[in-house]
Amino acid sequence: MKTMKKLILALAITCLTASNAQFYKVSKKINAPGNEGWDYLSVDNVNQHLFVSHGSVVNVIDLKTDKTIATIQDTKGVHGIAIANDLNKAFISCGKDNSVSVVNLTTFELIEKVAIKGIKPDAIMYDKFSHYVFTFNAKSSDATVIDANTNKEIKSIQLGGKPEFAVTNTKGLFYVNIEDQNEIKTVDTKTLEVTATWSIKPGDEPSGLALDTETNRLFSVCGNEMMVIVDALTGKTIQTVKIGEGCDGVAFDAKNKLIFSSNGVGTVTVVKEETANKFSVLENVTTQKGARTIAINPTSGQLYLSTANFGAKPEPTTENPKPRPGLEPDSFVILVLESSK
């Protein structure tokens, strides 16, 4: 009897240890030059390069050596980078001058600077199915459509609210979070028209968006510390999951069926897709304050997050009632998150 009790106790301890085990960790930090702010990161999976938005420039890092190999200049207020490997181009949204920089993926030289009608382009997406680039414009509440072959603007799509991140199903449809309306809109990339509008309440202020194209599940991360999981075919909310504070990005690992929410408070919430209709939090990984956006390397499974060290917060003034803390010089880094198994 005592032997049996000891065995049960040992099994219980083993299960408890396993449930508390940390599967992911920050394995290293990659330094990059510059002292400005940041937003999205994008992986060029073919060439194994990481494009990092950084204030008024884009840092390009070789993921084989972790070295900065190029700095793309004149991308004022850069937010996002869309990679088009089939065209050997990167498209960079520049929020401060309402433009898109088109860059050669091999030489990193500027091909063309495209002025757009949309105001304050933020997220940007390339859809290989249509060969269109879409910028999502915060101030004009619309999406600018650019022909990726000619680099010419061809249309604006009205979205009825402030668009955030978007994702394509690669089959003629894309989805975009509308932050101030708590909605996801679907857009047909052939007709360039909105085809559906779905509420994601109780999710509030959605930002990052990812998609499992196999199970047709959308993962929308929201400002009220909630991930809303939506059926991409019907718009039905499947489940909500608790995430960390200050999230602005989400990434999906198709190989391992894991969703990663990058939280500005300094954590990444790892969610397991157990089935198409069941999701659970695997762990909350400690990262670093400010690491709120994320990109995944489909080849290695590594994840990348930008941040820096913060200095003292200035006193509020009439002109600036909600001041942000300054950044410590030369502290900008890209965190590399990977499985510790």
C-alpha atoms as a PDB file:
ATOM      1  CA  MET A   1       0.000   0.000   0.000  1.00  0.00           C
ATOM      2  CA  LYS A   2       2.817   2.393   0.897  1.00  0.00           C
ATOM      3  CA  THR A   3       4.547   1.540  -2.379  1.00  0.00           C
ATOM      4  CA  MET A   4       1.352   2.345  -4.293  1.00  0.00           C
ATOM      5  CA  LYS A   5       0.953   5.684  -2.472  1.00  0.00           C
ATOM      6  CA  LYS A   6       4.551   6.594  -3.262  1.00  0.00           C
ATOM      7  CA  LEU A   7       3.992   5.722  -6.929  1.00  0.00           C
ATOM      8  CA  ILE A   8       0.839   7.857  -7.103  1.00  0.00           C
ATOM      9  CA  LEU A   9       2.644  10.750  -5.408  1.00  0.00           C
ATOM     10  CA  ALA A  10       5.580  10.454  -7.815  1.00  0.00           C
ATOM     11  CA  LEU A  11       3.243  10.453 -10.789  1.00  0.00           C
ATOM     12  CA  ALA A  12       1.409  13.500  -9.437  1.00  0.00           C
ATOM     13  CA  ILE A  13       4.681  15.395  -8.965  1.00  0.00           C
ATOM     14  CA  THR A  14       5.798  14.435 -12.467  1.00  0.00           C
ATOM     15  CA  CYS A  15       2.514  15.673 -13.982  1.00  0.00           C
ATOM     16  CA  LEU A  16       2.662  18.921 -11.997  1.00  0.00           C
ATOM     17  CA  THR A  17       6.259  19.523 -13.076  1.00  0.00           C
ATOM     18  CA  ALA A  18       5.371  18.843 -16.695  1.00  0.00           C
ATOM     19  CA  SER A  19       2.407  21.224 -16.545  1.00  0.00           C
ATOM     20  CA  ASN A  20       4.635  23.985 -15.177  1.00  0.00           C
ATOM     21  CA  ALA A  21       7.523  23.293 -17.541  1.00  0.00           C
ATOM     22  CA  GLN A  22       8.689  26.140 -19.745  1.00  0.00           C
ATOM     23  CA  PHE A  23       8.790  25.163 -23.391  1.00  0.00           C
ATOM     24  CA  TYR A  24       9.973  28.480 -24.863  1.00  0.00           C
ATOM     25  CA  LYS A  25      12.657  30.919 -23.776  1.00  0.00           C
ATOM     26  CA  VAL A  26      14.681  33.882 -25.028  1.00  0.00           C
ATOM     27  CA  SER A  27      17.750  32.141 -26.414  1.00  0.00           C
ATOM     28  CA  LYS A  28      19.703  35.231 -27.491  1.00  0.00           C
ATOM     29  CA  LYS A  29      19.550  38.925 -28.315  1.00  0.00           C
ATOM     30  CA  ILE A  30      20.619  40.475 -31.616  1.00  0.00           C
ATOM     31  CA  ASN A  31      21.841  44.056 -31.433  1.00  0.00           C
ATOM     32  CA  ALA A  32      21.006  46.510 -34.178  1.00  0.00           C
ATOM     33  CA  PRO A  33      22.128  50.129 -34.611  1.00  0.00           C
ATOM     34  CA  GLY A  34      19.839  53.099 -34.004  1.00  0.00           C
ATOM     35  CA  ASN A  35      17.895  54.723 -31.190  1.00  0.00           C
ATOM     36  CA  GLU A  36      14.425  55.208 -32.649  1.00  0.00           C
ATOM     37  CA  GLY A  37      11.137  53.398 -32.036  1.00  0.00           C
ATOM     38  CA  TRP A  38       9.890  50.266 -33.776  1.00  0.00           C
ATOM     39  CA  ASP A  39       6.838  48.421 -35.028  1.00  0.00           C
ATOM     40  CA  TYR A  40       6.516  45.289 -37.202  1.00  0.00           C
ATOM     41  CA  LEU A  41       9.172  42.763 -38.208  1.00  0.00           C
ATOM     42  CA  SER A  42       9.061  40.508 -41.299  1.00  0.00           C
ATOM     43  CA  VAL A  43      10.994  37.366 -42.220  1.00  0.00           C
ATOM     44  CA  ASP A  44      12.205  36.785 -45.771  1.00  0.00           C
ATOM     45  CA  ASN A  45      12.084  33.015 -45.443  1.00  0.00           C
ATOM     46  CA  VAL A  46      13.692  32.319 -48.820  1.00  0.00           C
ATOM     47  CA  ASN A  47      16.835  34.362 -48.133  1.00  0.00           C
ATOM     48  CA  GLN A  48      16.699  34.005 -44.330  1.00  0.00           C
ATOM     49  CA  HIS A  49      16.767  37.745 -43.729  1.00  0.00           C
ATOM     50  CA  LEU A  50      14.878  39.648 -41.035  1.00  0.00           C
ATOM     51  CA  PHE A  51      13.492  43.100 -41.877  1.00  0.00           C
ATOM     52  CA  VAL A  52      13.039  45.260 -38.778  1.00  0.00           C
ATOM     53  CA  SER A  53      11.120  48.547 -38.744  1.00  0.00           C
ATOM     54  CA  HIS A  54      13.139  51.114 -36.800  1.00  0.00           C
ATOM     55  CA  GLY A  55      11.880  54.680 -36.768  1.00  0.00           C
ATOM     56  CA  SER A  56      12.988  56.142 -40.086  1.00  0.00           C
ATOM     57  CA  VAL A  57      15.007  53.164 -41.357  1.00  0.00           C
ATOM     58  CA  VAL A  58      14.696  49.405 -41.793  1.00  0.00           C
ATOM     59  CA  ASN A  59      17.436  47.171 -40.397  1.00  0.00           C
ATOM     60  CA  VAL A  60      18.105  44.002 -42.411  1.00  0.00           C
ATOM     61  CA  ILE A  61      19.634  41.146 -40.426  1.00  0.00           C
ATOM     62  CA  ASP A  62      21.150  37.963 -41.859  1.00  0.00           C
ATOM     63  CA  LEU A  63      19.627  35.201 -39.752  1.00  0.00           C
ATOM     64  CA  LYS A  64      22.517  32.855 -40.484  1.00  0.00           C
ATOM     65  CA  THR A  65      25.046  35.200 -38.854  1.00  0.00           C
ATOM     66  CA  ASP A  66      22.824  37.528 -36.755  1.00  0.00           C
ATOM     67  CA  LYS A  67      24.619  40.472 -38.372  1.00  0.00           C
ATOM     68  CA  THR A  68      23.061  43.654 -39.772  1.00  0.00           C
ATOM     69  CA  ILE A  69      23.820  43.513 -43.498  1.00  0.00           C
ATOM     70  CA  ALA A  70      21.888  46.562 -44.685  1.00  0.00           C
ATOM     71  CA  THR A  71      20.086  49.659 -43.460  1.00  0.00           C
ATOM     72  CA  ILE A  72      17.321  50.856 -45.762  1.00  0.00           C
ATOM     73  CA  GLN A  73      17.120  54.645 -45.478  1.00  0.00           C
ATOM     74  CA  ASP A  74      14.309  57.161 -45.943  1.00  0.00           C
ATOM     75  CA  THR A  75      11.431  55.104 -44.575  1.00  0.00           C
ATOM     76  CA  LYS A  76       9.983  57.842 -42.374  1.00  0.00           C
ATOM     77  CA  GLY A  77       7.589  56.512 -39.756  1.00  0.00           C
ATOM     78  CA  VAL A  78       8.052  52.964 -40.982  1.00  0.00           C
ATOM     79  CA  HIS A  79       5.491  50.469 -39.719  1.00  0.00           C
ATOM     80  CA  GLY A  80       5.546  47.288 -41.786  1.00  0.00           C
ATOM     81  CA  ILE A  81       7.422  45.331 -44.434  1.00  0.00           C
ATOM     82  CA  ALA A  82       5.715  43.006 -46.938  1.00  0.00           C
ATOM     83  CA  ILE A  83       7.918  40.406 -48.639  1.00  0.00           C
ATOM     84  CA  ALA A  84       7.231  39.368 -52.254  1.00  0.00           C
ATOM     85  CA  ASN A  85       9.828  36.702 -53.039  1.00  0.00           C
ATOM     86  CA  ASP A  86       8.303  35.861 -56.415  1.00  0.00           C
ATOM     87  CA  LEU A  87       8.955  39.453 -57.509  1.00  0.00           C
ATOM     88  CA  ASN A  88      12.202  39.916 -55.540  1.00  0.00           C
ATOM     89  CA  LYS A  89      10.692  42.965 -53.839  1.00  0.00           C
ATOM     90  CA  ALA A  90       9.968  44.273 -50.360  1.00  0.00           C
ATOM     91  CA  PHE A  91       7.216  46.855 -49.857  1.00  0.00           C
ATOM     92  CA  ILE A  92       7.660  49.170 -46.837  1.00  0.00           C
ATOM     93  CA  SER A  93       4.874  51.346 -45.393  1.00  0.00           C
ATOM     94  CA  CYS A  94       6.075  54.835 -44.421  1.00  0.00           C
ATOM     95  CA  GLY A  95       3.500  56.438 -42.148  1.00  0.00           C
ATOM     96  CA  LYS A  96       4.971  59.921 -41.904  1.00  0.00           C
ATOM     97  CA  ASP A  97       5.047  60.748 -45.621  1.00  0.00           C
ATOM     98  CA  ASN A  98       2.176  58.536 -46.862  1.00  0.00           C
ATOM     99  CA  SER A  99       4.299  56.423 -49.134  1.00  0.00           C
ATOM    100  CA  VAL A 100       5.491  52.900 -49.843  1.00  0.00           C
ATOM    101  CA  SER A 101       9.172  52.204 -50.496  1.00  0.00           C
ATOM    102  CA  VAL A 102       9.725  49.386 -52.986  1.00  0.00           C
ATOM    103  CA  VAL A 103      13.094  47.726 -52.399  1.00  0.00           C
ATOM    104  CA  ASN A 104      15.113  45.020 -54.182  1.00  0.00           C
ATOM    105  CA  LEU A 105      15.329  41.935 -51.933  1.00  0.00           C
ATOM    106  CA  THR A 106      18.822  41.081 -53.171  1.00  0.00           C
ATOM    107  CA  THR A 107      20.589  44.443 -53.205  1.00  0.00           C
ATOM    108  CA  PHE A 108      18.266  46.300 -50.758  1.00  0.00           C
ATOM    109  CA  GLU A 109      18.359  49.257 -53.146  1.00  0.00           C
ATOM    110  CA  LEU A 110      15.314  51.460 -53.652  1.00  0.00           C
ATOM    111  CA  ILE A 111      13.353  50.575 -56.784  1.00  0.00           C
ATOM    112  CA  GLU A 112      10.657  53.195 -56.403  1.00  0.00           C
ATOM    113  CA  LYS A 113       9.006  55.452 -53.825  1.00  0.00           C
ATOM    114  CA  VAL A 114       5.245  55.257 -54.310  1.00  0.00           C
ATOM    115  CA  ALA A 115       3.153  58.157 -52.981  1.00  0.00           C
ATOM    116  CA  ILE A 116      -0.318  56.944 -51.987  1.00  0.00           C
ATOM    117  CA  LYS A 117      -3.651  58.663 -51.363  1.00  0.00           C
ATOM    118  CA  GLY A 118      -4.181  56.837 -48.066  1.00  0.00           C
ATOM    119  CA  ILE A 119      -3.163  58.711 -44.913  1.00  0.00           C
ATOM    120  CA  LYS A 120      -0.788  57.214 -42.369  1.00  0.00           C
ATOM    121  CA  PRO A 121      -0.182  53.735 -43.813  1.00  0.00           C
ATOM    122  CA  ASP A 122       0.475  51.281 -41.017  1.00  0.00           C
ATOM    123  CA  ALA A 123       0.269  47.515 -41.569  1.00  0.00           C
ATOM    124  CA  ILE A 124       1.091  46.261 -45.066  1.00  0.00           C
ATOM    125  CA  MET A 125       0.476  42.907 -46.769  1.00  0.00           C
ATOM    126  CA  TYR A 126       1.447  41.203 -50.030  1.00  0.00           C
ATOM    127  CA  ASP A 127      -1.093  38.799 -51.526  1.00  0.00           C
ATOM    128  CA  LYS A 128       0.628  36.412 -53.934  1.00  0.00           C
ATOM    129  CA  PHE A 129      -2.732  35.164 -55.258  1.00  0.00           C
ATOM    130  CA  SER A 130      -3.627  38.558 -56.732  1.00  0.00           C
ATOM    131  CA  HIS A 131      -0.152  40.107 -56.930  1.00  0.00           C
ATOM    132  CA  TYR A 132      -1.480  43.091 -55.024  1.00  0.00           C
ATOM    133  CA  VAL A 133       0.011  44.930 -52.064  1.00  0.00           C
ATOM    134  CA  PHE A 134      -2.396  46.368 -49.510  1.00  0.00           C
ATOM    135  CA  THR A 135      -1.542  49.168 -47.088  1.00  0.00           C
ATOM    136  CA  PHE A 136      -3.870  49.716 -44.150  1.00  0.00           C
ATOM    137  CA  ASN A 137      -4.195  53.412 -43.490  1.00  0.00           C
ATOM    138  CA  ALA A 138      -4.934  54.525 -39.926  1.00  0.00           C
ATOM    139  CA  LYS A 139      -6.038  58.114 -40.610  1.00  0.00           C
ATOM    140  CA  SER A 140      -8.119  57.610 -43.756  1.00  0.00           C
ATOM    141  CA  SER A 141      -9.735  54.337 -42.573  1.00  0.00           C
ATOM    142  CA  ASP A 142      -9.091  52.569 -45.840  1.00  0.00           C
ATOM    143  CA  ALA A 143      -6.773  50.180 -47.666  1.00  0.00           C
ATOM    144  CA  THR A 144      -4.641  51.275 -50.601  1.00  0.00           C
ATOM    145  CA  VAL A 145      -4.250  48.677 -53.365  1.00  0.00           C
ATOM    146  CA  ILE A 146      -0.948  48.655 -55.263  1.00  0.00           C
ATOM    147  CA  ASP A 147      -0.183  46.460 -58.282  1.00  0.00           C
ATOM    148  CA  ALA A 148       2.985  44.695 -57.128  1.00  0.00           C
ATOM    149  CA  ASN A 149       4.219  44.216 -60.691  1.00  0.00           C
ATOM    150  CA  THR A 150       3.942  47.857 -61.778  1.00  0.00           C
ATOM    151  CA  ASN A 151       4.177  49.535 -58.331  1.00  0.00           C
ATOM    152  CA  LYS A 152       1.121  51.634 -59.221  1.00  0.00           C
ATOM    153  CA  GLU A 153      -1.796  52.467 -56.937  1.00  0.00           C
ATOM    154  CA  ILE A 154      -5.022  51.181 -58.463  1.00  0.00           C
ATOM    155  CA  LYS A 155      -7.751  51.587 -55.843  1.00  0.00           C
ATOM    156  CA  SER A 156      -8.756  52.520 -52.285  1.00  0.00           C
ATOM    157  CA  ILE A 157     -11.041  50.211 -50.300  1.00  0.00           C
ATOM    158  CA  GLN A 158     -13.146  51.942 -47.644  1.00  0.00           C
ATOM    159  CA  LEU A 159     -13.094  50.003 -44.357  1.00  0.00           C
ATOM    160  CA  GLY A 160     -15.288  52.114 -42.074  1.00  0.00           C
ATOM    161  CA  GLY A 161     -12.811  52.277 -39.226  1.00  0.00           C
ATOM    162  CA  LYS A 162      -9.159  52.169 -38.259  1.00  0.00           C
ATOM    163  CA  PRO A 163      -7.508  49.117 -39.824  1.00  0.00           C
ATOM    164  CA  GLU A 164      -4.768  47.205 -38.046  1.00  0.00           C
ATOM    165  CA  PHE A 165      -3.068  43.985 -39.127  1.00  0.00           C
ATOM    166  CA  ALA A 166      -4.329  41.830 -42.010  1.00  0.00           C
ATOM    167  CA  VAL A 167      -3.753  38.293 -43.233  1.00  0.00           C
ATOM    168  CA  THR A 168      -4.484  36.507 -46.521  1.00  0.00           C
ATOM    169  CA  ASN A 169      -5.907  33.025 -46.976  1.00  0.00           C
ATOM    170  CA  THR A 170      -3.833  32.836 -50.231  1.00  0.00           C
ATOM    171  CA  LYS A 171      -6.988  31.871 -52.145  1.00  0.00           C
ATOM    172  CA  GLY A 172      -8.552  35.215 -52.990  1.00  0.00           C
ATOM    173  CA  LEU A 173      -9.628  36.553 -49.620  1.00  0.00           C
ATOM    174  CA  PHE A 174      -8.004  38.559 -46.849  1.00  0.00           C
ATOM    175  CA  TYR A 175      -9.055  39.518 -43.348  1.00  0.00           C
ATOM    176  CA  VAL A 176      -8.301  42.755 -41.504  1.00  0.00           C
ATOM    177  CA  ASN A 177      -8.828  43.854 -37.898  1.00  0.00           C
ATOM    178  CA  ILE A 178     -10.771  47.116 -37.476  1.00  0.00           C
ATOM    179  CA  GLU A 179      -9.449  48.416 -34.163  1.00  0.00           C
ATOM    180  CA  ASP A 180     -11.996  51.101 -33.264  1.00  0.00           C
ATOM    181  CA  GLN A 181     -15.023  49.020 -34.300  1.00  0.00           C
ATOM    182  CA  ASN A 182     -14.018  45.680 -32.716  1.00  0.00           C
ATOM    183  CA  GLU A 183     -14.542  43.952 -36.048  1.00  0.00           C
ATOM    184  CA  ILE A 184     -12.898  41.778 -38.656  1.00  0.00           C
ATOM    185  CA  LYS A 185     -13.664  42.620 -42.267  1.00  0.00           C
ATOM    186  CA  THR A 186     -13.172  40.238 -45.180  1.00  0.00           C
ATOM    187  CA  VAL A 187     -12.135  41.519 -48.603  1.00  0.00           C
ATOM    188  CA  ASP A 188     -12.235  39.729 -51.959  1.00  0.00           C
ATOM    189  CA  THR A 189      -8.874  40.264 -53.691  1.00  0.00           C
ATOM    190  CA  LYS A 190     -10.442  39.764 -57.130  1.00  0.00           C
ATOM    191  CA  THR A 191     -13.255  42.302 -56.848  1.00  0.00           C
ATOM    192  CA  LEU A 192     -11.456  44.427 -54.219  1.00  0.00           C
ATOM    193  CA  GLU A 193     -14.684  44.778 -52.269  1.00  0.00           C
ATOM    194  CA  VAL A 194     -15.583  44.129 -48.621  1.00  0.00           C
ATOM    195  CA  THR A 195     -17.590  40.892 -48.491  1.00  0.00           C
ATOM    196  CA  ALA A 196     -18.355  40.533 -44.757  1.00  0.00           C
ATOM    197  CA  THR A 197     -18.096  42.311 -41.416  1.00  0.00           C
ATOM    198  CA  TRP A 198     -17.846  40.260 -38.218  1.00  0.00           C
ATOM    199  CA  SER A 199     -18.037  41.490 -34.646  1.00  0.00           C
ATOM    200  CA  ILE A 200     -15.395  40.028 -32.330  1.00  0.00           C
ATOM    201  CA  LYS A 201     -16.861  41.346 -29.074  1.00  0.00           C
ATOM    202  CA  PRO A 202     -16.065  40.939 -26.201  1.00  0.00           C
ATOM    203  CA  GLY A 203     -12.638  41.499 -27.799  1.00  0.00           C
ATOM    204  CA  ASP A 204     -11.739  45.203 -27.645  1.00  0.00           C
ATOM    205  CA  GLU A 205      -9.234  47.120 -29.807  1.00  0.00           C
ATOM    206  CA  PRO A 206      -7.969  44.227 -31.984  1.00  0.00           C
ATOM    207  CA  SER A 207      -4.459  44.659 -33.386  1.00  0.00           C
ATOM    208  CA  GLY A 208      -2.475  41.580 -34.482  1.00  0.00           C
ATOM    209  CA  LEU A 209      -4.085  38.905 -36.657  1.00  0.00           C
ATOM    210  CA  ALA A 210      -2.952  35.432 -37.744  1.00  0.00           C
ATOM    211  CA  LEU A 211      -4.588  32.534 -39.592  1.00  0.00           C
ATOM    212  CA  ASP A 212      -4.461  28.743 -39.646  1.00  0.00           C
ATOM    213  CA  THR A 213      -5.335  28.023 -43.280  1.00  0.00           C
ATOM    214  CA  GLU A 214      -5.789  24.312 -42.543  1.00  0.00           C
ATOM    215  CA  THR A 215      -8.497  24.666 -39.886  1.00  0.00           C
ATOM    216  CA  ASN A 216      -9.706  28.110 -41.065  1.00  0.00           C
ATOM    217  CA  ARG A 217      -9.200  29.716 -37.676  1.00  0.00           C
ATOM    218  CA  LEU A 218      -8.377  33.401 -37.213  1.00  0.00           C
ATOM    219  CA  PHE A 219      -6.478  34.580 -34.137  1.00  0.00           C
ATOM    220  CA  SER A 220      -7.197  38.206 -33.254  1.00  0.00           C
ATOM    221  CA  VAL A 221      -5.330  39.693 -30.271  1.00  0.00           C
ATOM    222  CA  CYS A 222      -7.011  42.547 -28.453  1.00  0.00           C
ATOM    223  CA  GLY A 223      -6.176  45.419 -26.118  1.00  0.00           C
ATOM    224  CA  ASN A 224      -8.298  43.996 -23.289  1.00  0.00           C
ATOM    225  CA  GLU A 225      -5.902  41.055 -22.822  1.00  0.00           C
ATOM    226  CA  MET A 226      -7.949  38.673 -24.930  1.00  0.00           C
ATOM    227  CA  MET A 227      -7.321  36.513 -27.997  1.00  0.00           C
ATOM    228  CA  VAL A 228     -10.502  35.964 -29.987  1.00  0.00           C
ATOM    229  CA  ILE A 229     -10.528  32.831 -32.137  1.00  0.00           C
ATOM    230  CA  VAL A 230     -12.882  33.132 -35.122  1.00  0.00           C
ATOM    231  CA  ASP A 231     -14.100  30.716 -37.803  1.00  0.00           C
ATOM    232  CA  ALA A 232     -12.709  32.232 -41.018  1.00  0.00           C
ATOM    233  CA  LEU A 233     -15.544  30.747 -43.061  1.00  0.00           C
ATOM    234  CA  THR A 234     -18.532  31.901 -41.009  1.00  0.00           C
ATOM    235  CA  GLY A 235     -17.277  34.676 -38.716  1.00  0.00           C
ATOM    236  CA  LYS A 236     -18.455  32.771 -35.649  1.00  0.00           C
ATOM    237  CA  THR A 237     -16.399  33.244 -32.471  1.00  0.00           C
ATOM    238  CA  ILE A 238     -15.093  29.827 -31.424  1.00  0.00           C
ATOM    239  CA  GLN A 239     -13.337  30.704 -28.157  1.00  0.00           C
ATOM    240  CA  THR A 240     -11.604  33.509 -26.265  1.00  0.00           C
ATOM    241  CA  VAL A 241      -8.277  33.063 -24.464  1.00  0.00           C
ATOM    242  CA  LYS A 242      -6.573  35.224 -21.829  1.00  0.00           C
ATOM    243  CA  ILE A 243      -3.320  36.864 -22.996  1.00  0.00           C
ATOM    244  CA  GLY A 244      -0.940  39.472 -21.557  1.00  0.00           C
ATOM    245  CA  GLU A 245      -1.236  43.248 -21.411  1.00  0.00           C
ATOM    246  CA  GLY A 246      -0.135  45.529 -24.232  1.00  0.00           C
ATOM    247  CA  CYS A 247      -0.302  43.040 -27.094  1.00  0.00           C
ATOM    248  CA  ASP A 248       0.238  44.331 -30.635  1.00  0.00           C
ATOM    249  CA  GLY A 249       1.218  41.206 -32.561  1.00  0.00           C
ATOM    250  CA  VAL A 250       0.528  37.519 -33.015  1.00  0.00           C
ATOM    251  CA  ALA A 251       2.272  34.718 -34.909  1.00  0.00           C
ATOM    252  CA  PHE A 252       1.142  31.212 -35.865  1.00  0.00           C
ATOM    253  CA  ASP A 253       3.399  28.146 -36.013  1.00  0.00           C
ATOM    254  CA  ALA A 254       1.687  25.858 -38.526  1.00  0.00           C
ATOM    255  CA  LYS A 255       4.013  22.918 -37.854  1.00  0.00           C
ATOM    256  CA  ASN A 256       3.337  22.767 -34.116  1.00  0.00           C
ATOM    257  CA  LYS A 257      -0.142  24.346 -34.060  1.00  0.00           C
ATOM    258  CA  LEU A 258       0.932  27.086 -31.653  1.00  0.00           C
ATOM    259  CA  ILE A 259      -0.155  30.728 -31.486  1.00  0.00           C
ATOM    260  CA  PHE A 260       2.139  33.359 -29.948  1.00  0.00           C
ATOM    261  CA  SER A 261       0.801  36.648 -28.569  1.00  0.00           C
ATOM    262  CA  SER A 262       3.526  39.273 -28.027  1.00  0.00           C
ATOM    263  CA  ASN A 263       2.635  41.416 -25.024  1.00  0.00           C
ATOM    264  CA  GLY A 264       4.259  44.802 -24.427  1.00  0.00           C
ATOM    265  CA  VAL A 265       4.264  44.181 -20.670  1.00  0.00           C
ATOM    266  CA  GLY A 266       7.150  41.773 -21.315  1.00  0.00           C
ATOM    267  CA  THR A 267       5.640  38.353 -21.976  1.00  0.00           C
ATOM    268  CA  VAL A 268       4.623  36.081 -24.826  1.00  0.00           C
ATOM    269  CA  THR A 269       1.474  34.021 -24.315  1.00  0.00           C
ATOM    270  CA  VAL A 270       1.789  30.619 -26.023  1.00  0.00           C
ATOM    271  CA  VAL A 271      -1.554  29.065 -26.985  1.00  0.00           C
ATOM    272  CA  LYS A 272      -1.968  25.486 -28.177  1.00  0.00           C
ATOM    273  CA  GLU A 273      -4.475  24.619 -30.899  1.00  0.00           C
ATOM    274  CA  GLU A 274      -5.555  21.219 -29.581  1.00  0.00           C
ATOM    275  CA  THR A 275      -8.371  20.867 -32.118  1.00  0.00           C
ATOM    276  CA  ALA A 276     -10.115  23.301 -34.440  1.00  0.00           C
ATOM    277  CA  ASN A 277     -12.488  24.141 -31.598  1.00  0.00           C
ATOM    278  CA  LYS A 278     -10.305  23.811 -28.495  1.00  0.00           C
ATOM    279  CA  PHE A 279      -7.471  26.111 -27.465  1.00  0.00           C
ATOM    280  CA  SER A 280      -5.495  26.355 -24.226  1.00  0.00           C
ATOM    281  CA  VAL A 281      -2.691  28.507 -22.806  1.00  0.00           C
ATOM    282  CA  LEU A 282       0.518  26.500 -22.736  1.00  0.00           C
ATOM    283  CA  GLU A 283       2.627  29.102 -20.924  1.00  0.00           C
ATOM    284  CA  ASN A 284       3.519  32.775 -20.534  1.00  0.00           C
ATOM    285  CA  VAL A 285       7.160  33.338 -21.420  1.00  0.00           C
ATOM    286  CA  THR A 286       9.092  36.248 -19.915  1.00  0.00           C
ATOM    287  CA  THR A 287      10.604  38.465 -22.627  1.00  0.00           C
ATOM    288  CA  GLN A 288      11.306  42.182 -22.109  1.00  0.00           C
ATOM    289  CA  LYS A 289       9.153  45.259 -21.638  1.00  0.00           C
ATOM    290  CA  GLY A 290       8.172  46.846 -24.957  1.00  0.00           C
ATOM    291  CA  ALA A 291       8.441  43.640 -27.006  1.00  0.00           C
ATOM    292  CA  ARG A 292       4.943  43.959 -28.427  1.00  0.00           C
ATOM    293  CA  THR A 293       5.318  42.841 -32.075  1.00  0.00           C
ATOM    294  CA  ILE A 294       6.457  39.461 -33.358  1.00  0.00           C
ATOM    295  CA  ALA A 295       7.460  37.524 -36.475  1.00  0.00           C
ATOM    296  CA  ILE A 296       8.059  33.807 -36.970  1.00  0.00           C
ATOM    297  CA  ASN A 297      10.700  32.056 -39.068  1.00  0.00           C
ATOM    298  CA  PRO A 298       8.807  29.194 -40.764  1.00  0.00           C
ATOM    299  CA  THR A 299      12.054  27.311 -41.410  1.00  0.00           C
ATOM    300  CA  SER A 300      13.597  27.352 -37.925  1.00  0.00           C
ATOM    301  CA  GLY A 301      10.500  27.978 -35.815  1.00  0.00           C
ATOM    302  CA  GLN A 302      12.314  30.849 -34.083  1.00  0.00           C
ATOM    303  CA  LEU A 303      10.380  33.994 -33.178  1.00  0.00           C
ATOM    304  CA  TYR A 304      11.685  37.570 -33.219  1.00  0.00           C
ATOM    305  CA  LEU A 305      10.598  40.552 -31.123  1.00  0.00           C
ATOM    306  CA  SER A 306      11.995  44.121 -31.112  1.00  0.00           C
ATOM    307  CA  THR A 307      12.489  46.237 -28.012  1.00  0.00           C
ATOM    308  CA  ALA A 308      14.909  48.490 -26.125  1.00  0.00           C
ATOM    309  CA  ASN A 309      15.626  49.627 -22.576  1.00  0.00           C
ATOM    310  CA  PHE A 310      13.430  52.453 -21.306  1.00  0.00           C
ATOM    311  CA  GLY A 311      14.663  55.448 -19.347  1.00  0.00           C
ATOM    312  CA  ALA A 312      12.799  57.674 -16.910  1.00  0.00           C
ATOM    313  CA  LYS A 313       9.300  58.849 -17.825  1.00  0.00           C
ATOM    314  CA  PRO A 314       9.051  62.663 -18.229  1.00  0.00           C
ATOM    315  CA  GLU A 315       6.620  64.661 -16.151  1.00  0.00           C
ATOM    316  CA  PRO A 316       3.259  65.328 -17.853  1.00  0.00           C
ATOM    317  CA  THR A 317       2.738  68.757 -19.419  1.00  0.00           C
ATOM    318  CA  THR A 318      -0.210  70.561 -20.988  1.00  0.00           C
ATOM    319  CA  GLU A 319       1.247  69.913 -24.437  1.00  0.00           C
ATOM    320  CA  ASN A 320       2.090  66.285 -23.620  1.00  0.00           C
ATOM    321  CA  PRO A 321      -0.233  64.998 -20.896  1.00  0.00           C
ATOM    322  CA  LYS A 322       0.746  61.337 -21.448  1.00  0.00           C
ATOM    323  CA  PRO A 323       4.508  61.347 -22.049  1.00  0.00           C
ATOM    324  CA  ARG A 324       6.327  58.165 -22.965  1.00  0.00           C
ATOM    325  CA  PRO A 325       9.612  57.211 -21.322  1.00  0.00           C
ATOM    326  CA  GLY A 326      12.717  57.794 -23.399  1.00  0.00           C
ATOM    327  CA  LEU A 327      14.933  55.026 -24.745  1.00  0.00           C
ATOM    328  CA  GLU A 328      18.407  54.284 -23.453  1.00  0.00           C
ATOM    329  CA  PRO A 329      21.002  54.879 -26.197  1.00  0.00           C
ATOM    330  CA  ASP A 330      22.286  51.813 -28.090  1.00  0.00           C
ATOM    331  CA  SER A 331      19.923  49.439 -26.293  1.00  0.00           C
ATOM    332  CA  PHE A 332      17.786  48.385 -29.282  1.00  0.00           C
ATOM    333  CA  VAL A 333      17.677  44.591 -29.648  1.00  0.00           C
ATOM    334  CA  ILE A 334      15.817  41.796 -31.369  1.00  0.00           C
ATOM    335  CA  LEU A 335      14.922  39.017 -28.964  1.00  0.00           C
ATOM    336  CA  VAL A 336      15.069  35.471 -30.326  1.00  0.00           C
ATOM    337  CA  LEU A 337      12.487  33.162 -28.793  1.00  0.00           C
ATOM    338  CA  GLU A 338      12.655  29.404 -29.379  1.00  0.00           C
ATOM    339  CA  SER A 339      11.679  26.075 -27.949  1.00  0.00           C
ATOM    340  CA  SER A 340      13.813  24.834 -25.054  1.00  0.00           C
ATOM    341  CA  LYS A 341      12.930  21.206 -25.711  1.00  0.00           C
END
